Amino acid sequence: MIRVLSTFLLPKVLVEKKIKIGSVPVTIVSSKPLETSTKIILHFHGGGMVSLSPEGHIHTLLEWTINTGIPIVSVNYAKSPEAKFPTAVEECFAVYKWLLSEESRQIFPSKRERIILAGDSAGGYLSIVTTIMAINSKLRNPDGLMLLYPCTRWDSRKNVTQSREMFANDWVLPQSWIALCAKSYLGTEEEKLRKNPLVNLMKLDEEVLKQFPPSCFVVGSLDPLLDDSKEFVELLVKNNREVDYKTFDGVTHGFISFDMFIRQGKEANVFICNWSVSYTHLRAHETGRNLVC
C-alpha cells in the first residue's frame, strides 16, 4: 500500500521502512535520507484506541514528510478491547524512549535537534500522554506537539462536554462510537479511571502542565471533540504555555483525512506543515506571548 501511494500519488518519498521497536511495529517514511535527519516526527494514529494503523493514515504522513522534509515514525500500537489501558500508552512511550536512546542511532545517526509528537483523535491523546510520561520520568521533553482534534478524556457519558452533547449524532464520530471506544479501552474500570490524569487529561497537575512544550491544535467547528481541544488549550494558556490553535469552520472529526476532496482539509495540512517547519513557538518564545489563532 505504501509503495502504491508513494509511486502514483506522491513520488517524492525516498524512504519506506517497517521495523519493530521491541515488540511494537512502526512504519518510517521520509522524503530525505534518514542519515542526515536532525528532526523527527513521532506519529500516533487515531482510531478510538480500537482500530486503524499507520497504513490508514499513509496519505497524510507522506504529504507531511514531503512538505516538511522531516522523517516520520508512526507507531502501530496495540488495540482495545484486547489491549486495555495502559498497554498502548506504554508502547508509545517505549518508542519515544527508543528515539532518545543510542540504539536508535542505527537508523537516525544524526543529532536529534527536534522531536515532535503528532497525532489525530486518539493519536493526539497518545501524544499528550507520552509527553506527560516523559515529564514524570524526567526525560527530555518533546520539542513540540502537533495535535489534530485530540481526545482529552475517555468517558462513555454523553454530557461530558457541550460539543459532545450537541453533536451526539455526528455522522463521523457519533456518541455511540465514543462510548464504545471508551468502554473498550477502559473496560470495567472506567468509572475509577476517569480520575486518572493519563485517562482524563483535564485532571493534570499544574506542575506537569507548566512543563509542556509548544503545541499546535487543529479542530473542526462541528467536531464532537471540539471542547476537548478548546478546554485543554485553555489549561495550557492558563499555565503560560505556547499554543497555536486553529478551528476550521463547517467540518467535523477527521476532516484532514479528506484533504484531497475538501478545502478545509488542504488548509489544515498546510497549517500543520508550516507550523512544524517554521517552529512558530520560537517566535512566541522571543516575543514572550501565547500564540492562539
C-alpha atoms as a PDB file:
ATOM      1  CA  MET A   1       0.000   0.000   0.000  1.00  0.00           C
ATOM      2  CA  ILE A   2       2.782   2.454   0.884  1.00  0.00           C
ATOM      3  CA  ARG A   3       4.593   1.715  -2.369  1.00  0.00           C
ATOM      4  CA  VAL A   4       1.434   2.147  -4.461  1.00  0.00           C
ATOM      5  CA  LEU A   5       0.641   5.516  -2.902  1.00  0.00           C
ATOM      6  CA  SER A   6       4.206   6.772  -2.988  1.00  0.00           C
ATOM      7  CA  THR A   7       4.602   5.738  -6.638  1.00  0.00           C
ATOM      8  CA  PHE A   8       1.347   7.086  -8.061  1.00  0.00           C
ATOM      9  CA  LEU A   9       0.285   9.887  -5.722  1.00  0.00           C
ATOM     10  CA  LEU A  10       3.392  11.225  -4.020  1.00  0.00           C
ATOM     11  CA  PRO A  11       6.500  10.181  -5.955  1.00  0.00           C
ATOM     12  CA  LYS A  12       8.988  12.135  -3.818  1.00  0.00           C
ATOM     13  CA  VAL A  13       9.097   9.646  -0.937  1.00  0.00           C
ATOM     14  CA  LEU A  14      12.647   8.370  -0.591  1.00  0.00           C
ATOM     15  CA  VAL A  15      12.454   6.035   2.416  1.00  0.00           C
ATOM     16  CA  GLU A  16       9.819   3.450   3.298  1.00  0.00           C
ATOM     17  CA  LYS A  17      10.686   1.162   6.166  1.00  0.00           C
ATOM     18  CA  LYS A  18       8.888  -1.102   8.623  1.00  0.00           C
ATOM     19  CA  ILE A  19      10.677  -2.215  11.779  1.00  0.00           C
ATOM     20  CA  LYS A  20       9.881  -3.304  15.324  1.00  0.00           C
ATOM     21  CA  ILE A  21      10.910  -1.462  18.452  1.00  0.00           C
ATOM     22  CA  GLY A  22      10.885  -4.352  20.870  1.00  0.00           C
ATOM     23  CA  SER A  23       7.521  -5.908  20.038  1.00  0.00           C
ATOM     24  CA  VAL A  24       5.965  -2.672  18.731  1.00  0.00           C
ATOM     25  CA  PRO A  25       5.663  -2.312  14.920  1.00  0.00           C
ATOM     26  CA  VAL A  26       6.492   1.104  13.457  1.00  0.00           C
ATOM     27  CA  THR A  27       6.411   2.496   9.936  1.00  0.00           C
ATOM     28  CA  ILE A  28       9.035   5.040   8.855  1.00  0.00           C
ATOM     29  CA  VAL A  29       8.537   7.308   5.849  1.00  0.00           C
ATOM     30  CA  SER A  30      10.857  10.086   4.737  1.00  0.00           C
ATOM     31  CA  SER A  31      11.444  12.336   1.751  1.00  0.00           C
ATOM     32  CA  LYS A  32      15.121  12.691   2.704  1.00  0.00           C
ATOM     33  CA  PRO A  33      17.894  10.284   3.756  1.00  0.00           C
ATOM     34  CA  LEU A  34      17.478   9.221   7.386  1.00  0.00           C
ATOM     35  CA  GLU A  35      21.218   9.526   7.933  1.00  0.00           C
ATOM     36  CA  THR A  36      21.093  13.324   7.690  1.00  0.00           C
ATOM     37  CA  SER A  37      17.813  13.895   9.553  1.00  0.00           C
ATOM     38  CA  THR A  38      18.130  16.029  12.672  1.00  0.00           C
ATOM     39  CA  LYS A  39      14.368  16.405  13.172  1.00  0.00           C
ATOM     40  CA  ILE A  40      11.827  13.619  13.652  1.00  0.00           C
ATOM     41  CA  ILE A  41       8.033  13.500  13.860  1.00  0.00           C
ATOM     42  CA  LEU A  42       6.803  10.666  16.086  1.00  0.00           C
ATOM     43  CA  HIS A  43       3.251   9.937  14.975  1.00  0.00           C
ATOM     44  CA  PHE A  44       0.416   8.114  16.733  1.00  0.00           C
ATOM     45  CA  HIS A  45      -2.596   7.348  14.552  1.00  0.00           C
ATOM     46  CA  GLY A  46      -6.236   7.794  15.510  1.00  0.00           C
ATOM     47  CA  GLY A  47      -8.974   5.180  15.592  1.00  0.00           C
ATOM     48  CA  GLY A  48     -10.535   5.364  19.051  1.00  0.00           C
ATOM     49  CA  MET A  49      -7.844   3.048  20.506  1.00  0.00           C
ATOM     50  CA  VAL A  50      -9.674   0.178  18.815  1.00  0.00           C
ATOM     51  CA  SER A  51      -8.886   0.403  15.102  1.00  0.00           C
ATOM     52  CA  LEU A  52      -6.754   1.649  12.185  1.00  0.00           C
ATOM     53  CA  SER A  53      -2.969   1.674  11.728  1.00  0.00           C
ATOM     54  CA  PRO A  54      -0.208   3.814  10.188  1.00  0.00           C
ATOM     55  CA  GLU A  55      -1.240   2.481   6.769  1.00  0.00           C
ATOM     56  CA  GLY A  56      -4.695   4.003   7.244  1.00  0.00           C
ATOM     57  CA  HIS A  57      -3.053   7.417   7.589  1.00  0.00           C
ATOM     58  CA  ILE A  58      -0.343   6.932   4.990  1.00  0.00           C
ATOM     59  CA  HIS A  59      -1.516   9.634   2.567  1.00  0.00           C
ATOM     60  CA  THR A  60      -1.324  12.294   5.309  1.00  0.00           C
ATOM     61  CA  LEU A  61       2.066  11.027   6.513  1.00  0.00           C
ATOM     62  CA  LEU A  62       3.506  11.119   3.008  1.00  0.00           C
ATOM     63  CA  GLU A  63       2.222  14.652   2.489  1.00  0.00           C
ATOM     64  CA  TRP A  64       3.790  15.745   5.764  1.00  0.00           C
ATOM     65  CA  THR A  65       7.221  14.316   5.079  1.00  0.00           C
ATOM     66  CA  ILE A  66       7.296  15.695   1.528  1.00  0.00           C
ATOM     67  CA  ASN A  67       6.171  19.172   2.567  1.00  0.00           C
ATOM     68  CA  THR A  68       8.357  19.409   5.676  1.00  0.00           C
ATOM     69  CA  GLY A  69      11.404  17.301   4.801  1.00  0.00           C
ATOM     70  CA  ILE A  70      11.076  15.658   8.224  1.00  0.00           C
ATOM     71  CA  PRO A  71      11.009  11.842   8.571  1.00  0.00           C
ATOM     72  CA  ILE A  72       8.015  10.342  10.326  1.00  0.00           C
ATOM     73  CA  VAL A  73       7.983   7.356  12.657  1.00  0.00           C
ATOM     74  CA  SER A  74       4.404   6.092  13.005  1.00  0.00           C
ATOM     75  CA  VAL A  75       3.552   3.642  15.796  1.00  0.00           C
ATOM     76  CA  ASN A  76       1.179   0.706  15.292  1.00  0.00           C
ATOM     77  CA  TYR A  77       0.275   0.342  18.965  1.00  0.00           C
ATOM     78  CA  ALA A  78      -1.868  -2.474  20.391  1.00  0.00           C
ATOM     79  CA  LYS A  79      -5.639  -2.019  20.132  1.00  0.00           C
ATOM     80  CA  SER A  80      -8.518  -2.446  22.541  1.00  0.00           C
ATOM     81  CA  PRO A  81     -10.510  -4.321  23.670  1.00  0.00           C
ATOM     82  CA  GLU A  82      -7.747  -6.947  23.735  1.00  0.00           C
ATOM     83  CA  ALA A  83      -5.175  -4.398  24.922  1.00  0.00           C
ATOM     84  CA  LYS A  84      -6.790  -2.182  27.519  1.00  0.00           C
ATOM     85  CA  PHE A  85      -5.313   0.854  29.263  1.00  0.00           C
ATOM     86  CA  PRO A  86      -2.373   1.304  29.768  1.00  0.00           C
ATOM     87  CA  THR A  87      -0.927  -1.084  27.153  1.00  0.00           C
ATOM     88  CA  ALA A  88      -0.952   1.314  24.177  1.00  0.00           C
ATOM     89  CA  VAL A  89       0.294   4.174  26.363  1.00  0.00           C
ATOM     90  CA  GLU A  90       3.272   2.098  27.489  1.00  0.00           C
ATOM     91  CA  GLU A  91       4.070   1.027  23.926  1.00  0.00           C
ATOM     92  CA  CYS A  92       4.046   4.595  22.625  1.00  0.00           C
ATOM     93  CA  PHE A  93       6.259   5.756  25.480  1.00  0.00           C
ATOM     94  CA  ALA A  94       8.643   2.869  24.775  1.00  0.00           C
ATOM     95  CA  VAL A  95       9.064   4.047  21.180  1.00  0.00           C
ATOM     96  CA  TYR A  96       9.686   7.613  22.383  1.00  0.00           C
ATOM     97  CA  LYS A  97      12.379   6.353  24.759  1.00  0.00           C
ATOM     98  CA  TRP A  98      13.908   4.389  21.895  1.00  0.00           C
ATOM     99  CA  LEU A  99      14.212   7.607  19.870  1.00  0.00           C
ATOM    100  CA  LEU A 100      16.203   9.084  22.761  1.00  0.00           C
ATOM    101  CA  SER A 101      18.460   6.052  23.032  1.00  0.00           C
ATOM    102  CA  GLU A 102      21.774   5.187  21.384  1.00  0.00           C
ATOM    103  CA  GLU A 103      20.108   2.167  19.777  1.00  0.00           C
ATOM    104  CA  SER A 104      18.026   4.418  17.510  1.00  0.00           C
ATOM    105  CA  ARG A 105      21.226   5.871  16.018  1.00  0.00           C
ATOM    106  CA  GLN A 106      21.476   2.776  13.851  1.00  0.00           C
ATOM    107  CA  ILE A 107      18.633   4.326  11.842  1.00  0.00           C
ATOM    108  CA  PHE A 108      18.896   8.014  12.770  1.00  0.00           C
ATOM    109  CA  PRO A 109      22.626   8.618  13.341  1.00  0.00           C
ATOM    110  CA  SER A 110      22.469  12.432  13.388  1.00  0.00           C
ATOM    111  CA  LYS A 111      21.887  14.527  16.496  1.00  0.00           C
ATOM    112  CA  ARG A 112      18.199  14.932  17.441  1.00  0.00           C
ATOM    113  CA  GLU A 113      17.699  18.667  17.322  1.00  0.00           C
ATOM    114  CA  ARG A 114      13.926  18.335  17.462  1.00  0.00           C
ATOM    115  CA  ILE A 115      11.434  15.578  18.198  1.00  0.00           C
ATOM    116  CA  ILE A 116       7.810  16.498  17.544  1.00  0.00           C
ATOM    117  CA  LEU A 117       4.924  14.288  18.634  1.00  0.00           C
ATOM    118  CA  ALA A 118       1.887  14.262  16.354  1.00  0.00           C
ATOM    119  CA  GLY A 119      -1.466  12.522  16.328  1.00  0.00           C
ATOM    120  CA  ASP A 120      -5.122  12.770  15.425  1.00  0.00           C
ATOM    121  CA  SER A 121      -8.007  11.954  17.782  1.00  0.00           C
ATOM    122  CA  ALA A 122      -6.825   9.012  19.915  1.00  0.00           C
ATOM    123  CA  GLY A 123      -3.361   9.641  18.494  1.00  0.00           C
ATOM    124  CA  GLY A 124      -3.493  13.212  19.798  1.00  0.00           C
ATOM    125  CA  TYR A 125      -4.336  11.776  23.202  1.00  0.00           C
ATOM    126  CA  LEU A 126      -1.340   9.424  22.976  1.00  0.00           C
ATOM    127  CA  SER A 127       0.928  12.343  22.019  1.00  0.00           C
ATOM    128  CA  ILE A 128      -0.135  14.248  25.125  1.00  0.00           C
ATOM    129  CA  VAL A 129       0.165  11.204  27.391  1.00  0.00           C
ATOM    130  CA  THR A 130       3.636  10.377  26.046  1.00  0.00           C
ATOM    131  CA  THR A 131       4.625  13.945  26.911  1.00  0.00           C
ATOM    132  CA  ILE A 132       3.236  13.551  30.437  1.00  0.00           C
ATOM    133  CA  MET A 133       5.188  10.341  30.930  1.00  0.00           C
ATOM    134  CA  ALA A 134       8.397  11.977  29.666  1.00  0.00           C
ATOM    135  CA  ILE A 135       7.904  14.840  32.137  1.00  0.00           C
ATOM    136  CA  ASN A 136       7.125  12.496  35.027  1.00  0.00           C
ATOM    137  CA  SER A 137      10.150  10.343  34.159  1.00  0.00           C
ATOM    138  CA  LYS A 138      12.393  13.435  33.925  1.00  0.00           C
ATOM    139  CA  LEU A 139      13.401  12.539  30.382  1.00  0.00           C
ATOM    140  CA  ARG A 140      13.957  15.009  27.599  1.00  0.00           C
ATOM    141  CA  ASN A 141      10.655  16.646  26.696  1.00  0.00           C
ATOM    142  CA  PRO A 142       9.340  16.512  23.143  1.00  0.00           C
ATOM    143  CA  ASP A 143      10.115  19.787  21.377  1.00  0.00           C
ATOM    144  CA  GLY A 144       6.567  20.271  20.137  1.00  0.00           C
ATOM    145  CA  LEU A 145       3.108  18.716  19.791  1.00  0.00           C
ATOM    146  CA  MET A 146       1.007  18.639  16.599  1.00  0.00           C
ATOM    147  CA  LEU A 147      -2.494  17.698  17.733  1.00  0.00           C
ATOM    148  CA  LEU A 148      -5.406  17.114  15.389  1.00  0.00           C
ATOM    149  CA  TYR A 149      -8.781  17.087  17.182  1.00  0.00           C
ATOM    150  CA  PRO A 150      -7.368  15.132  20.177  1.00  0.00           C
ATOM    151  CA  CYS A 151      -9.496  13.205  22.649  1.00  0.00           C
ATOM    152  CA  THR A 152      -8.560  14.593  26.062  1.00  0.00           C
ATOM    153  CA  ARG A 153     -10.866  12.441  28.209  1.00  0.00           C
ATOM    154  CA  TRP A 154     -12.080   8.856  27.845  1.00  0.00           C
ATOM    155  CA  ASP A 155     -15.633   8.812  29.126  1.00  0.00           C
ATOM    156  CA  SER A 156     -18.671   6.968  27.761  1.00  0.00           C
ATOM    157  CA  ARG A 157     -21.136   9.547  29.120  1.00  0.00           C
ATOM    158  CA  LYS A 158     -22.741  11.934  26.612  1.00  0.00           C
ATOM    159  CA  ASN A 159     -22.865  15.091  28.725  1.00  0.00           C
ATOM    160  CA  VAL A 160     -19.117  15.287  29.416  1.00  0.00           C
ATOM    161  CA  THR A 161     -18.796  18.402  27.231  1.00  0.00           C
ATOM    162  CA  GLN A 162     -21.212  20.680  25.441  1.00  0.00           C
ATOM    163  CA  SER A 163     -19.851  19.774  21.993  1.00  0.00           C
ATOM    164  CA  ARG A 164     -20.122  16.026  22.626  1.00  0.00           C
ATOM    165  CA  GLU A 165     -23.751  16.512  23.589  1.00  0.00           C
ATOM    166  CA  MET A 166     -24.523  18.966  20.781  1.00  0.00           C
ATOM    167  CA  PHE A 167     -23.024  16.755  18.068  1.00  0.00           C
ATOM    168  CA  ALA A 168     -24.034  13.415  19.584  1.00  0.00           C
ATOM    169  CA  ASN A 169     -25.441  12.240  16.235  1.00  0.00           C
ATOM    170  CA  ASP A 170     -22.410  13.247  14.177  1.00  0.00           C
ATOM    171  CA  TRP A 171     -22.021  11.081  11.074  1.00  0.00           C
ATOM    172  CA  VAL A 172     -18.272  10.556  11.578  1.00  0.00           C
ATOM    173  CA  LEU A 173     -17.996  10.355  15.369  1.00  0.00           C
ATOM    174  CA  PRO A 174     -21.387   9.697  16.988  1.00  0.00           C
ATOM    175  CA  GLN A 175     -21.703   9.452  20.746  1.00  0.00           C
ATOM    176  CA  SER A 176     -22.449   5.736  20.464  1.00  0.00           C
ATOM    177  CA  TRP A 177     -18.981   5.193  18.946  1.00  0.00           C
ATOM    178  CA  ILE A 178     -17.280   7.395  21.556  1.00  0.00           C
ATOM    179  CA  ALA A 179     -18.962   5.351  24.297  1.00  0.00           C
ATOM    180  CA  LEU A 180     -17.994   2.050  22.691  1.00  0.00           C
ATOM    181  CA  CYS A 181     -14.358   3.131  22.369  1.00  0.00           C
ATOM    182  CA  ALA A 182     -14.169   4.346  25.976  1.00  0.00           C
ATOM    183  CA  LYS A 183     -15.665   1.113  27.283  1.00  0.00           C
ATOM    184  CA  SER A 184     -13.361  -0.981  25.094  1.00  0.00           C
ATOM    185  CA  TYR A 185     -10.288   0.953  26.211  1.00  0.00           C
ATOM    186  CA  LEU A 186     -11.067   1.147  29.934  1.00  0.00           C
ATOM    187  CA  GLY A 187     -13.217  -1.953  30.465  1.00  0.00           C
ATOM    188  CA  THR A 188     -14.915  -2.416  33.813  1.00  0.00           C
ATOM    189  CA  GLU A 189     -12.540   0.101  35.428  1.00  0.00           C
ATOM    190  CA  GLU A 190     -13.931   3.106  33.546  1.00  0.00           C
ATOM    191  CA  GLU A 191     -15.565   4.898  36.484  1.00  0.00           C
ATOM    192  CA  LYS A 192     -12.431   4.555  38.606  1.00  0.00           C
ATOM    193  CA  LEU A 193     -10.052   5.506  35.770  1.00  0.00           C
ATOM    194  CA  ARG A 194     -11.923   8.749  34.986  1.00  0.00           C
ATOM    195  CA  LYS A 195      -9.896  10.304  37.825  1.00  0.00           C
ATOM    196  CA  ASN A 196      -6.584   9.167  36.346  1.00  0.00           C
ATOM    197  CA  PRO A 197      -4.749  12.069  34.602  1.00  0.00           C
ATOM    198  CA  LEU A 198      -3.498   9.627  31.953  1.00  0.00           C
ATOM    199  CA  VAL A 199      -7.143   8.926  31.059  1.00  0.00           C
ATOM    200  CA  ASN A 200      -8.779  12.291  31.782  1.00  0.00           C
ATOM    201  CA  LEU A 201      -6.165  14.842  30.775  1.00  0.00           C
ATOM    202  CA  MET A 202      -8.198  17.642  32.334  1.00  0.00           C
ATOM    203  CA  LYS A 203      -7.094  16.214  35.702  1.00  0.00           C
ATOM    204  CA  LEU A 204      -3.449  17.030  35.013  1.00  0.00           C
ATOM    205  CA  ASP A 205      -1.452  18.686  37.767  1.00  0.00           C
ATOM    206  CA  GLU A 206      -0.376  22.265  37.042  1.00  0.00           C
ATOM    207  CA  GLU A 207       3.263  21.389  37.702  1.00  0.00           C
ATOM    208  CA  VAL A 208       3.116  18.992  34.765  1.00  0.00           C
ATOM    209  CA  LEU A 209       1.219  21.424  32.522  1.00  0.00           C
ATOM    210  CA  LYS A 210       3.830  24.108  33.167  1.00  0.00           C
ATOM    211  CA  GLN A 211       6.457  21.877  31.541  1.00  0.00           C
ATOM    212  CA  PHE A 212       4.546  21.235  28.306  1.00  0.00           C
ATOM    213  CA  PRO A 213       6.301  22.037  25.022  1.00  0.00           C
ATOM    214  CA  PRO A 214       4.858  24.409  22.403  1.00  0.00           C
ATOM    215  CA  SER A 215       1.709  22.921  20.882  1.00  0.00           C
ATOM    216  CA  CYS A 216      -0.340  23.243  17.714  1.00  0.00           C
ATOM    217  CA  PHE A 217      -4.059  22.299  17.760  1.00  0.00           C
ATOM    218  CA  VAL A 218      -6.361  21.797  14.769  1.00  0.00           C
ATOM    219  CA  VAL A 219     -10.085  21.001  15.115  1.00  0.00           C
ATOM    220  CA  GLY A 220     -13.324  21.356  13.147  1.00  0.00           C
ATOM    221  CA  SER A 221     -16.134  23.615  14.351  1.00  0.00           C
ATOM    222  CA  LEU A 222     -18.658  20.739  14.158  1.00  0.00           C
ATOM    223  CA  ASP A 223     -16.477  18.117  15.863  1.00  0.00           C
ATOM    224  CA  PRO A 224     -17.884  16.367  18.951  1.00  0.00           C
ATOM    225  CA  LEU A 225     -14.334  16.680  20.354  1.00  0.00           C
ATOM    226  CA  LEU A 226     -14.223  20.449  19.778  1.00  0.00           C
ATOM    227  CA  ASP A 227     -14.433  21.170  23.505  1.00  0.00           C
ATOM    228  CA  ASP A 228     -11.777  18.542  24.234  1.00  0.00           C
ATOM    229  CA  SER A 229      -9.334  20.736  22.314  1.00  0.00           C
ATOM    230  CA  LYS A 230     -10.633  24.101  23.500  1.00  0.00           C
ATOM    231  CA  GLU A 231     -10.609  23.201  27.181  1.00  0.00           C
ATOM    232  CA  PHE A 232      -7.135  21.665  27.064  1.00  0.00           C
ATOM    233  CA  VAL A 233      -5.824  24.714  25.199  1.00  0.00           C
ATOM    234  CA  GLU A 234      -7.301  26.878  27.952  1.00  0.00           C
ATOM    235  CA  LEU A 235      -5.380  24.853  30.542  1.00  0.00           C
ATOM    236  CA  LEU A 236      -2.126  25.294  28.640  1.00  0.00           C
ATOM    237  CA  VAL A 237      -2.629  29.032  28.153  1.00  0.00           C
ATOM    238  CA  LYS A 238      -3.542  29.425  31.825  1.00  0.00           C
ATOM    239  CA  ASN A 239      -0.176  27.867  32.635  1.00  0.00           C
ATOM    240  CA  ASN A 240       1.672  30.188  30.234  1.00  0.00           C
ATOM    241  CA  ARG A 241       2.426  27.589  27.593  1.00  0.00           C
ATOM    242  CA  GLU A 242       2.889  28.474  23.935  1.00  0.00           C
ATOM    243  CA  VAL A 243      -0.073  27.399  21.804  1.00  0.00           C
ATOM    244  CA  ASP A 244      -1.227  27.729  18.206  1.00  0.00           C
ATOM    245  CA  TYR A 245      -4.929  26.875  17.997  1.00  0.00           C
ATOM    246  CA  LYS A 246      -6.993  26.896  14.817  1.00  0.00           C
ATOM    247  CA  THR A 247     -10.637  25.950  14.285  1.00  0.00           C
ATOM    248  CA  PHE A 248     -11.804  25.134  10.750  1.00  0.00           C
ATOM    249  CA  ASP A 249     -15.420  26.088  10.100  1.00  0.00           C
ATOM    250  CA  GLY A 250     -18.015  23.699   8.752  1.00  0.00           C
ATOM    251  CA  VAL A 251     -16.180  20.409   9.238  1.00  0.00           C
ATOM    252  CA  THR A 252     -16.374  17.582  11.724  1.00  0.00           C
ATOM    253  CA  HIS A 253     -13.995  14.979  13.089  1.00  0.00           C
ATOM    254  CA  GLY A 254     -11.259  13.523  10.901  1.00  0.00           C
ATOM    255  CA  PHE A 255     -11.573  16.143   8.164  1.00  0.00           C
ATOM    256  CA  ILE A 256      -7.840  16.311   7.437  1.00  0.00           C
ATOM    257  CA  SER A 257      -8.079  12.788   6.005  1.00  0.00           C
ATOM    258  CA  PHE A 258     -10.298  14.191   3.247  1.00  0.00           C
ATOM    259  CA  ASP A 259      -7.813  16.838   2.130  1.00  0.00           C
ATOM    260  CA  MET A 260      -7.999  15.606  -1.463  1.00  0.00           C
ATOM    261  CA  PHE A 261     -11.716  16.479  -1.522  1.00  0.00           C
ATOM    262  CA  ILE A 262     -12.371  19.414   0.824  1.00  0.00           C
ATOM    263  CA  ARG A 263     -10.733  22.823   1.133  1.00  0.00           C
ATOM    264  CA  GLN A 264     -10.520  22.750   4.935  1.00  0.00           C
ATOM    265  CA  GLY A 265      -8.516  19.525   4.870  1.00  0.00           C
ATOM    266  CA  LYS A 266      -5.977  21.028   2.471  1.00  0.00           C
ATOM    267  CA  GLU A 267      -5.726  24.219   4.529  1.00  0.00           C
ATOM    268  CA  ALA A 268      -5.243  22.247   7.748  1.00  0.00           C
ATOM    269  CA  ASN A 269      -2.412  20.231   6.210  1.00  0.00           C
ATOM    270  CA  VAL A 270      -0.709  23.446   5.096  1.00  0.00           C
ATOM    271  CA  PHE A 271      -1.174  24.927   8.576  1.00  0.00           C
ATOM    272  CA  ILE A 272       0.299  21.840  10.245  1.00  0.00           C
ATOM    273  CA  CYS A 273       3.258  21.586   7.869  1.00  0.00           C
ATOM    274  CA  ASN A 274       4.050  25.295   8.141  1.00  0.00           C
ATOM    275  CA  TRP A 275       3.983  25.078  11.904  1.00  0.00           C
ATOM    276  CA  SER A 276       6.362  22.124  12.021  1.00  0.00           C
ATOM    277  CA  VAL A 277       8.800  23.744   9.580  1.00  0.00           C
ATOM    278  CA  SER A 278       8.815  27.299  10.915  1.00  0.00           C
ATOM    279  CA  TYR A 279       8.618  26.352  14.592  1.00  0.00           C
ATOM    280  CA  THR A 280       6.272  29.200  15.307  1.00  0.00           C
ATOM    281  CA  HIS A 281       6.779  28.547  19.002  1.00  0.00           C
ATOM    282  CA  LEU A 282      10.302  30.005  18.742  1.00  0.00           C
ATOM    283  CA  ARG A 283       8.828  33.335  17.718  1.00  0.00           C
ATOM    284  CA  ALA A 284       6.398  33.064  20.604  1.00  0.00           C
ATOM    285  CA  HIS A 285       9.312  32.442  22.948  1.00  0.00           C
ATOM    286  CA  GLU A 286      11.114  35.516  21.586  1.00  0.00           C
ATOM    287  CA  THR A 287       8.059  37.737  21.942  1.00  0.00           C
ATOM    288  CA  GLY A 288       7.074  36.273  25.306  1.00  0.00           C
ATOM    289  CA  ARG A 289       3.436  35.750  24.376  1.00  0.00           C
ATOM    290  CA  ASN A 290       0.993  32.923  23.691  1.00  0.00           C
ATOM    291  CA  LEU A 291       0.102  32.352  20.059  1.00  0.00           C
ATOM    292  CA  VAL A 292      -3.574  31.426  19.808  1.00  0.00           C
ATOM    293  CA  CYS A 293      -5.175  31.797  16.367  1.00  0.00           C
END
